[in-house]
Amino acid sequence: MAKKFYVVWAGRETGIFTSWDYTKKQVDKFPQAKYKSFPTEAEAKAAFSAKSKAGAATKTTSSSKAKMDLSSHEVMVFTDGGCEPNPGKAGSGMAIYRDGAVAELWFGLYNPNGTNNSAELNALYQALLVAQKAIKANQSVKILSDSQYSINCITNWAYGWKSKGWKRKTAGDIANLEVIKQAHELYDAIKDDMEIEHVAAHVGIEGNELADRMSIYAIDQKLTEFVKYDKPLDIAAILSLRTG
């Protein structure tokens, strides 16, 4: 049987999956679930990206390359997560800009049995830790993630889940609950002193592209810790690395 790629736009977890059994758990009895199978990964990625960009409803704003202002905040943190396949080998990446220039790249949190969503959430939590330090140093800070799922989990849905004892309205456990709890607690404590913004993926936003390369670098390096990239910050060379 030919391998298929399953896109879930609305479900318990969203993303591109290679296992129907796993996909079915995300959409079965989920209200207004939206999903479809594709014969190739390229078609699945294109379909997921197109509909996610068109249909994303959020409290945050969306950015494009033309609108990106890297000097709007003293500290700007881009995050991304990668997974090959999904579920499969996962890693997280982060790019930190200070005063409009890239200052640090981070990567790691490799999980041989992760998902794209778990990798995105791990990256977002690391960004919140950076934001907390920036706030303590009286610096303005913004986090930029291309994962609407992660942003919604931390800034929106978690309030309802928490009020119900970390349970869903419908049947089924909350995926990635441990990191969601940690990230939400931190977000709730610092949310009045920071911003989180959703950005489109793979449209040429340098910070997003760098975070993407770091997430895949984490997979290639199989590094379970989250560490600073210690090689020269040669942007062109880093952008030439494998993409997610």
C-alpha atoms as a PDB file:
ATOM      1  CA  MET A   1       0.000   0.000   0.000  1.00  0.00           C
ATOM      2  CA  ALA A   2       1.324   3.422  -0.976  1.00  0.00           C
ATOM      3  CA  LYS A   3       2.264   5.714   1.887  1.00  0.00           C
ATOM      4  CA  LYS A   4      -0.184   8.543   2.558  1.00  0.00           C
ATOM      5  CA  PHE A   5       0.130  11.855   4.331  1.00  0.00           C
ATOM      6  CA  TYR A   6      -2.795  13.011   6.457  1.00  0.00           C
ATOM      7  CA  VAL A   7      -3.477  16.709   6.959  1.00  0.00           C
ATOM      8  CA  VAL A   8      -5.522  17.769   9.984  1.00  0.00           C
ATOM      9  CA  TRP A   9      -6.665  21.393   9.951  1.00  0.00           C
ATOM     10  CA  ALA A  10      -9.097  21.035  12.857  1.00  0.00           C
ATOM     11  CA  GLY A  11      -8.672  18.294  15.464  1.00  0.00           C
ATOM     12  CA  ARG A  12      -7.189  17.507  18.861  1.00  0.00           C
ATOM     13  CA  GLU A  13      -3.800  18.048  17.226  1.00  0.00           C
ATOM     14  CA  THR A  14      -3.268  19.761  13.898  1.00  0.00           C
ATOM     15  CA  GLY A  15      -0.540  19.144  11.386  1.00  0.00           C
ATOM     16  CA  ILE A  16       0.652  16.546   8.878  1.00  0.00           C
ATOM     17  CA  PHE A  17       0.751  12.912   9.985  1.00  0.00           C
ATOM     18  CA  THR A  18       1.857   9.645   8.378  1.00  0.00           C
ATOM     19  CA  SER A  19      -0.165   7.251  10.535  1.00  0.00           C
ATOM     20  CA  TRP A  20      -3.906   6.890   9.948  1.00  0.00           C
ATOM     21  CA  ASP A  21      -4.388   5.346  13.396  1.00  0.00           C
ATOM     22  CA  TYR A  22      -2.783   8.409  15.000  1.00  0.00           C
ATOM     23  CA  THR A  23      -4.698  10.764  12.724  1.00  0.00           C
ATOM     24  CA  LYS A  24      -7.999   9.100  13.540  1.00  0.00           C
ATOM     25  CA  LYS A  25      -7.445   9.746  17.255  1.00  0.00           C
ATOM     26  CA  GLN A  26      -7.116  13.459  16.503  1.00  0.00           C
ATOM     27  CA  VAL A  27     -10.337  13.761  14.504  1.00  0.00           C
ATOM     28  CA  ASP A  28     -12.671  11.026  15.785  1.00  0.00           C
ATOM     29  CA  LYS A  29     -15.696  12.682  17.462  1.00  0.00           C
ATOM     30  CA  PHE A  30     -13.925  16.057  17.335  1.00  0.00           C
ATOM     31  CA  PRO A  31     -16.516  18.782  16.575  1.00  0.00           C
ATOM     32  CA  GLN A  32     -16.206  20.000  12.971  1.00  0.00           C
ATOM     33  CA  ALA A  33     -12.998  18.086  12.366  1.00  0.00           C
ATOM     34  CA  LYS A  34     -11.276  18.917   9.084  1.00  0.00           C
ATOM     35  CA  TYR A  35      -8.788  16.501   7.545  1.00  0.00           C
ATOM     36  CA  LYS A  36      -7.752  14.941   4.237  1.00  0.00           C
ATOM     37  CA  SER A  37      -5.187  12.480   2.905  1.00  0.00           C
ATOM     38  CA  PHE A  38      -2.615  13.269   0.215  1.00  0.00           C
ATOM     39  CA  PRO A  39      -0.342  10.975  -1.816  1.00  0.00           C
ATOM     40  CA  THR A  40       2.808  13.078  -1.345  1.00  0.00           C
ATOM     41  CA  GLU A  41       4.343  15.088   1.481  1.00  0.00           C
ATOM     42  CA  ALA A  42       4.740  18.117  -0.791  1.00  0.00           C
ATOM     43  CA  GLU A  43       0.999  18.204  -1.544  1.00  0.00           C
ATOM     44  CA  ALA A  44       0.170  17.769   2.138  1.00  0.00           C
ATOM     45  CA  LYS A  45       2.492  20.608   3.191  1.00  0.00           C
ATOM     46  CA  ALA A  46       1.081  22.919   0.535  1.00  0.00           C
ATOM     47  CA  ALA A  47      -2.510  22.145   1.514  1.00  0.00           C
ATOM     48  CA  PHE A  48      -1.897  22.503   5.243  1.00  0.00           C
ATOM     49  CA  SER A  49      -0.026  25.767   4.841  1.00  0.00           C
ATOM     50  CA  ALA A  50      -2.568  27.309   2.470  1.00  0.00           C
ATOM     51  CA  LYS A  51      -5.645  26.546   4.525  1.00  0.00           C
ATOM     52  CA  SER A  52      -3.964  27.325   7.853  1.00  0.00           C
ATOM     53  CA  LYS A  53      -3.000  30.781   6.619  1.00  0.00           C
ATOM     54  CA  ALA A  54      -6.439  31.403   5.123  1.00  0.00           C
ATOM     55  CA  GLY A  55      -8.498  30.131   8.021  1.00  0.00           C
ATOM     56  CA  ALA A  56      -6.512  30.939  11.131  1.00  0.00           C
ATOM     57  CA  ALA A  57      -8.611  32.861  13.637  1.00  0.00           C
ATOM     58  CA  THR A  58      -6.525  34.489  16.347  1.00  0.00           C
ATOM     59  CA  LYS A  59      -6.295  37.275  18.856  1.00  0.00           C
ATOM     60  CA  THR A  60      -2.822  38.002  17.541  1.00  0.00           C
ATOM     61  CA  THR A  61      -1.798  39.579  14.266  1.00  0.00           C
ATOM     62  CA  SER A  62      -0.186  37.925  11.245  1.00  0.00           C
ATOM     63  CA  SER A  63       3.023  39.220   9.749  1.00  0.00           C
ATOM     64  CA  SER A  64       4.679  39.169   6.365  1.00  0.00           C
ATOM     65  CA  LYS A  65       8.230  39.903   5.292  1.00  0.00           C
ATOM     66  CA  ALA A  66       7.271  43.389   4.166  1.00  0.00           C
ATOM     67  CA  LYS A  67       5.721  44.281   7.528  1.00  0.00           C
ATOM     68  CA  MET A  68       8.366  42.812   9.816  1.00  0.00           C
ATOM     69  CA  ASP A  69       9.968  45.469  12.007  1.00  0.00           C
ATOM     70  CA  LEU A  70      12.842  43.977  13.976  1.00  0.00           C
ATOM     71  CA  SER A  71      13.386  47.187  15.904  1.00  0.00           C
ATOM     72  CA  SER A  72       9.886  47.407  17.398  1.00  0.00           C
ATOM     73  CA  HIS A  73      11.082  45.635  20.563  1.00  0.00           C
ATOM     74  CA  GLU A  74      14.458  45.383  22.239  1.00  0.00           C
ATOM     75  CA  VAL A  75      14.199  41.591  22.273  1.00  0.00           C
ATOM     76  CA  MET A  76      12.377  39.599  19.589  1.00  0.00           C
ATOM     77  CA  VAL A  77      12.252  35.816  19.785  1.00  0.00           C
ATOM     78  CA  PHE A  78      11.305  33.600  16.828  1.00  0.00           C
ATOM     79  CA  THR A  79      10.410  29.975  17.510  1.00  0.00           C
ATOM     80  CA  ASP A  80       9.801  26.880  15.424  1.00  0.00           C
ATOM     81  CA  GLY A  81       9.428  23.136  15.770  1.00  0.00           C
ATOM     82  CA  GLY A  82      10.133  20.380  13.286  1.00  0.00           C
ATOM     83  CA  CYS A  83       9.186  16.718  13.025  1.00  0.00           C
ATOM     84  CA  GLU A  84      10.255  14.083  10.484  1.00  0.00           C
ATOM     85  CA  PRO A  85       7.852  12.357   9.871  1.00  0.00           C
ATOM     86  CA  ASN A  86       4.925  13.568  11.977  1.00  0.00           C
ATOM     87  CA  PRO A  87       4.758  11.836  14.478  1.00  0.00           C
ATOM     88  CA  GLY A  88       8.451  11.026  14.494  1.00  0.00           C
ATOM     89  CA  LYS A  89      11.812  12.653  15.172  1.00  0.00           C
ATOM     90  CA  ALA A  90      11.164  16.129  16.592  1.00  0.00           C
ATOM     91  CA  GLY A  91      13.318  19.124  17.501  1.00  0.00           C
ATOM     92  CA  SER A  92      12.918  22.771  18.464  1.00  0.00           C
ATOM     93  CA  GLY A  93      14.655  25.955  17.371  1.00  0.00           C
ATOM     94  CA  MET A  94      14.809  29.613  18.408  1.00  0.00           C
ATOM     95  CA  ALA A  95      16.306  32.818  17.015  1.00  0.00           C
ATOM     96  CA  ILE A  96      16.802  35.801  19.326  1.00  0.00           C
ATOM     97  CA  TYR A  97      17.138  39.336  17.982  1.00  0.00           C
ATOM     98  CA  ARG A  98      18.403  42.156  20.150  1.00  0.00           C
ATOM     99  CA  ASP A  99      18.063  45.763  19.024  1.00  0.00           C
ATOM    100  CA  GLY A 100      17.123  44.655  15.521  1.00  0.00           C
ATOM    101  CA  ALA A 101      19.982  42.211  14.883  1.00  0.00           C
ATOM    102  CA  VAL A 102      20.213  38.451  15.311  1.00  0.00           C
ATOM    103  CA  ALA A 103      22.149  37.795  18.515  1.00  0.00           C
ATOM    104  CA  GLU A 104      21.649  34.126  19.423  1.00  0.00           C
ATOM    105  CA  LEU A 105      20.369  30.884  17.905  1.00  0.00           C
ATOM    106  CA  TRP A 106      19.232  27.940  20.042  1.00  0.00           C
ATOM    107  CA  PHE A 107      18.350  24.343  19.220  1.00  0.00           C
ATOM    108  CA  GLY A 108      17.632  20.978  20.799  1.00  0.00           C
ATOM    109  CA  LEU A 109      14.914  19.146  22.780  1.00  0.00           C
ATOM    110  CA  TYR A 110      15.207  16.209  20.381  1.00  0.00           C
ATOM    111  CA  ASN A 111      12.469  13.613  20.825  1.00  0.00           C
ATOM    112  CA  PRO A 112      12.540  10.465  18.668  1.00  0.00           C
ATOM    113  CA  ASN A 113       8.809  10.021  19.283  1.00  0.00           C
ATOM    114  CA  GLY A 114       7.510  13.582  19.100  1.00  0.00           C
ATOM    115  CA  THR A 115       5.086  15.541  16.943  1.00  0.00           C
ATOM    116  CA  ASN A 116       5.288  18.862  15.178  1.00  0.00           C
ATOM    117  CA  ASN A 117       2.943  20.314  17.798  1.00  0.00           C
ATOM    118  CA  SER A 118       5.026  19.104  20.751  1.00  0.00           C
ATOM    119  CA  ALA A 119       8.150  20.574  19.144  1.00  0.00           C
ATOM    120  CA  GLU A 120       6.403  23.918  18.557  1.00  0.00           C
ATOM    121  CA  LEU A 121       5.182  24.037  22.168  1.00  0.00           C
ATOM    122  CA  ASN A 122       8.639  23.235  23.532  1.00  0.00           C
ATOM    123  CA  ALA A 123      10.115  26.059  21.480  1.00  0.00           C
ATOM    124  CA  LEU A 124       7.442  28.486  22.630  1.00  0.00           C
ATOM    125  CA  TYR A 125       8.092  27.612  26.277  1.00  0.00           C
ATOM    126  CA  GLN A 126      11.806  28.309  25.807  1.00  0.00           C
ATOM    127  CA  ALA A 127      10.911  31.665  24.270  1.00  0.00           C
ATOM    128  CA  LEU A 128       8.759  32.510  27.276  1.00  0.00           C
ATOM    129  CA  LEU A 129      11.751  31.849  29.529  1.00  0.00           C
ATOM    130  CA  VAL A 130      13.778  34.304  27.422  1.00  0.00           C
ATOM    131  CA  ALA A 131      10.921  36.810  27.638  1.00  0.00           C
ATOM    132  CA  GLN A 132      10.830  36.479  31.416  1.00  0.00           C
ATOM    133  CA  LYS A 133      14.534  37.386  31.633  1.00  0.00           C
ATOM    134  CA  ALA A 134      14.071  40.322  29.273  1.00  0.00           C
ATOM    135  CA  ILE A 135      11.191  41.656  31.346  1.00  0.00           C
ATOM    136  CA  LYS A 136      13.253  41.435  34.521  1.00  0.00           C
ATOM    137  CA  ALA A 137      15.909  43.479  32.709  1.00  0.00           C
ATOM    138  CA  ASN A 138      13.263  46.097  31.823  1.00  0.00           C
ATOM    139  CA  GLN A 139      13.454  45.264  28.119  1.00  0.00           C
ATOM    140  CA  SER A 140      10.512  45.232  25.718  1.00  0.00           C
ATOM    141  CA  VAL A 141       9.971  41.770  24.238  1.00  0.00           C
ATOM    142  CA  LYS A 142       7.919  40.017  21.581  1.00  0.00           C
ATOM    143  CA  ILE A 143       7.660  36.318  20.732  1.00  0.00           C
ATOM    144  CA  LEU A 144       6.920  35.300  17.136  1.00  0.00           C
ATOM    145  CA  SER A 145       5.709  31.778  16.333  1.00  0.00           C
ATOM    146  CA  ASP A 146       4.332  30.257  13.135  1.00  0.00           C
ATOM    147  CA  SER A 147       2.281  27.745  15.149  1.00  0.00           C
ATOM    148  CA  GLN A 148      -1.259  28.964  15.679  1.00  0.00           C
ATOM    149  CA  TYR A 149      -1.937  25.781  17.638  1.00  0.00           C
ATOM    150  CA  SER A 150       0.818  26.533  20.170  1.00  0.00           C
ATOM    151  CA  ILE A 151      -0.224  30.150  20.584  1.00  0.00           C
ATOM    152  CA  ASN A 152      -3.862  29.169  21.101  1.00  0.00           C
ATOM    153  CA  CYS A 153      -2.936  26.441  23.589  1.00  0.00           C
ATOM    154  CA  ILE A 154      -0.969  28.830  25.779  1.00  0.00           C
ATOM    155  CA  THR A 155      -2.836  32.117  25.425  1.00  0.00           C
ATOM    156  CA  ASN A 156      -6.430  30.987  24.908  1.00  0.00           C
ATOM    157  CA  TRP A 157      -7.517  27.382  25.296  1.00  0.00           C
ATOM    158  CA  ALA A 158      -5.502  26.750  28.480  1.00  0.00           C
ATOM    159  CA  TYR A 159      -7.779  29.051  30.485  1.00  0.00           C
ATOM    160  CA  GLY A 160     -10.800  26.890  29.720  1.00  0.00           C
ATOM    161  CA  TRP A 161      -8.945  23.628  30.237  1.00  0.00           C
ATOM    162  CA  LYS A 162      -7.579  24.834  33.572  1.00  0.00           C
ATOM    163  CA  SER A 163     -11.013  25.888  34.802  1.00  0.00           C
ATOM    164  CA  LYS A 164     -12.236  22.344  34.103  1.00  0.00           C
ATOM    165  CA  GLY A 165      -9.362  20.648  35.908  1.00  0.00           C
ATOM    166  CA  TRP A 166      -7.295  20.411  32.738  1.00  0.00           C
ATOM    167  CA  LYS A 167      -9.988  18.499  30.899  1.00  0.00           C
ATOM    168  CA  ARG A 168     -11.627  18.979  27.525  1.00  0.00           C
ATOM    169  CA  LYS A 169     -15.326  19.584  27.018  1.00  0.00           C
ATOM    170  CA  THR A 170     -15.344  16.519  24.777  1.00  0.00           C
ATOM    171  CA  ALA A 171     -13.796  13.100  25.274  1.00  0.00           C
ATOM    172  CA  GLY A 172     -10.047  12.665  24.965  1.00  0.00           C
ATOM    173  CA  ASP A 173      -6.954  13.777  26.794  1.00  0.00           C
ATOM    174  CA  ILE A 174      -5.230  17.084  26.130  1.00  0.00           C
ATOM    175  CA  ALA A 175      -2.139  16.382  24.064  1.00  0.00           C
ATOM    176  CA  ASN A 176       1.177  17.809  25.285  1.00  0.00           C
ATOM    177  CA  LEU A 177      -0.408  18.722  28.607  1.00  0.00           C
ATOM    178  CA  GLU A 178       2.793  18.924  30.678  1.00  0.00           C
ATOM    179  CA  VAL A 179       4.489  21.571  28.537  1.00  0.00           C
ATOM    180  CA  ILE A 180       1.186  23.412  28.051  1.00  0.00           C
ATOM    181  CA  LYS A 181       0.783  23.735  31.822  1.00  0.00           C
ATOM    182  CA  GLN A 182       4.347  25.021  32.268  1.00  0.00           C
ATOM    183  CA  ALA A 183       4.151  27.466  29.395  1.00  0.00           C
ATOM    184  CA  HIS A 184       0.693  28.735  30.295  1.00  0.00           C
ATOM    185  CA  GLU A 185       1.658  29.375  33.923  1.00  0.00           C
ATOM    186  CA  LEU A 186       4.646  31.411  32.787  1.00  0.00           C
ATOM    187  CA  TYR A 187       2.671  33.227  30.079  1.00  0.00           C
ATOM    188  CA  ASP A 188      -0.078  34.139  32.523  1.00  0.00           C
ATOM    189  CA  ALA A 189       2.489  35.647  34.889  1.00  0.00           C
ATOM    190  CA  ILE A 190       4.191  37.853  32.298  1.00  0.00           C
ATOM    191  CA  LYS A 191       1.538  38.412  29.600  1.00  0.00           C
ATOM    192  CA  ASP A 192       0.944  42.055  30.523  1.00  0.00           C
ATOM    193  CA  ASP A 193       4.608  42.888  29.869  1.00  0.00           C
ATOM    194  CA  MET A 194       5.136  41.149  26.504  1.00  0.00           C
ATOM    195  CA  GLU A 195       3.576  40.380  23.137  1.00  0.00           C
ATOM    196  CA  ILE A 196       3.054  37.178  21.173  1.00  0.00           C
ATOM    197  CA  GLU A 197       2.505  37.348  17.433  1.00  0.00           C
ATOM    198  CA  HIS A 198       1.683  34.715  14.817  1.00  0.00           C
ATOM    199  CA  VAL A 199       3.840  34.817  11.696  1.00  0.00           C
ATOM    200  CA  ALA A 200       3.439  32.966   8.423  1.00  0.00           C
ATOM    201  CA  ALA A 201       5.898  30.123   7.870  1.00  0.00           C
ATOM    202  CA  HIS A 202       8.364  29.975   4.983  1.00  0.00           C
ATOM    203  CA  VAL A 203       7.545  33.340   3.441  1.00  0.00           C
ATOM    204  CA  GLY A 204      11.045  34.762   3.820  1.00  0.00           C
ATOM    205  CA  ILE A 205      10.928  36.129   7.368  1.00  0.00           C
ATOM    206  CA  GLU A 206      14.563  35.741   8.416  1.00  0.00           C
ATOM    207  CA  GLY A 207      13.916  34.988  12.086  1.00  0.00           C
ATOM    208  CA  ASN A 208      11.320  32.352  11.265  1.00  0.00           C
ATOM    209  CA  GLU A 209      13.632  30.739   8.718  1.00  0.00           C
ATOM    210  CA  LEU A 210      16.536  30.672  11.185  1.00  0.00           C
ATOM    211  CA  ALA A 211      14.372  29.086  13.884  1.00  0.00           C
ATOM    212  CA  ASP A 212      13.236  26.515  11.328  1.00  0.00           C
ATOM    213  CA  ARG A 213      16.828  25.599  10.440  1.00  0.00           C
ATOM    214  CA  MET A 214      17.653  25.230  14.127  1.00  0.00           C
ATOM    215  CA  SER A 215      14.706  22.879  14.696  1.00  0.00           C
ATOM    216  CA  ILE A 216      15.906  20.589  11.894  1.00  0.00           C
ATOM    217  CA  TYR A 217      19.517  20.936  13.058  1.00  0.00           C
ATOM    218  CA  ALA A 218      18.306  19.678  16.442  1.00  0.00           C
ATOM    219  CA  ILE A 219      16.868  16.597  14.746  1.00  0.00           C
ATOM    220  CA  ASP A 220      20.075  15.981  12.809  1.00  0.00           C
ATOM    221  CA  GLN A 221      22.212  16.421  15.944  1.00  0.00           C
ATOM    222  CA  LYS A 222      19.791  14.386  18.112  1.00  0.00           C
ATOM    223  CA  LEU A 223      20.439  16.786  20.973  1.00  0.00           C
ATOM    224  CA  THR A 224      18.018  16.389  23.868  1.00  0.00           C
ATOM    225  CA  GLU A 225      19.200  19.536  25.696  1.00  0.00           C
ATOM    226  CA  PHE A 226      18.370  23.061  24.516  1.00  0.00           C
ATOM    227  CA  VAL A 227      21.629  24.843  23.808  1.00  0.00           C
ATOM    228  CA  LYS A 228      23.037  27.919  22.093  1.00  0.00           C
ATOM    229  CA  TYR A 229      24.361  27.458  18.565  1.00  0.00           C
ATOM    230  CA  ASP A 230      28.096  27.998  19.063  1.00  0.00           C
ATOM    231  CA  LYS A 231      29.221  28.380  15.458  1.00  0.00           C
ATOM    232  CA  PRO A 232      29.610  31.773  13.732  1.00  0.00           C
ATOM    233  CA  LEU A 233      26.287  33.480  12.987  1.00  0.00           C
ATOM    234  CA  ASP A 234      26.802  33.345   9.228  1.00  0.00           C
ATOM    235  CA  ILE A 235      23.194  33.926   8.185  1.00  0.00           C
ATOM    236  CA  ALA A 236      23.624  32.791   4.585  1.00  0.00           C
ATOM    237  CA  ALA A 237      25.366  29.584   5.661  1.00  0.00           C
ATOM    238  CA  ILE A 238      22.746  28.818   8.285  1.00  0.00           C
ATOM    239  CA  LEU A 239      19.883  29.454   5.876  1.00  0.00           C
ATOM    240  CA  SER A 240      21.507  26.980   3.493  1.00  0.00           C
ATOM    241  CA  LEU A 241      21.071  24.222   6.076  1.00  0.00           C
ATOM    242  CA  ARG A 242      18.300  21.676   5.708  1.00  0.00           C
ATOM    243  CA  THR A 243      14.794  23.126   6.034  1.00  0.00           C
ATOM    244  CA  GLY A 244      11.711  21.664   7.679  1.00  0.00           C
END
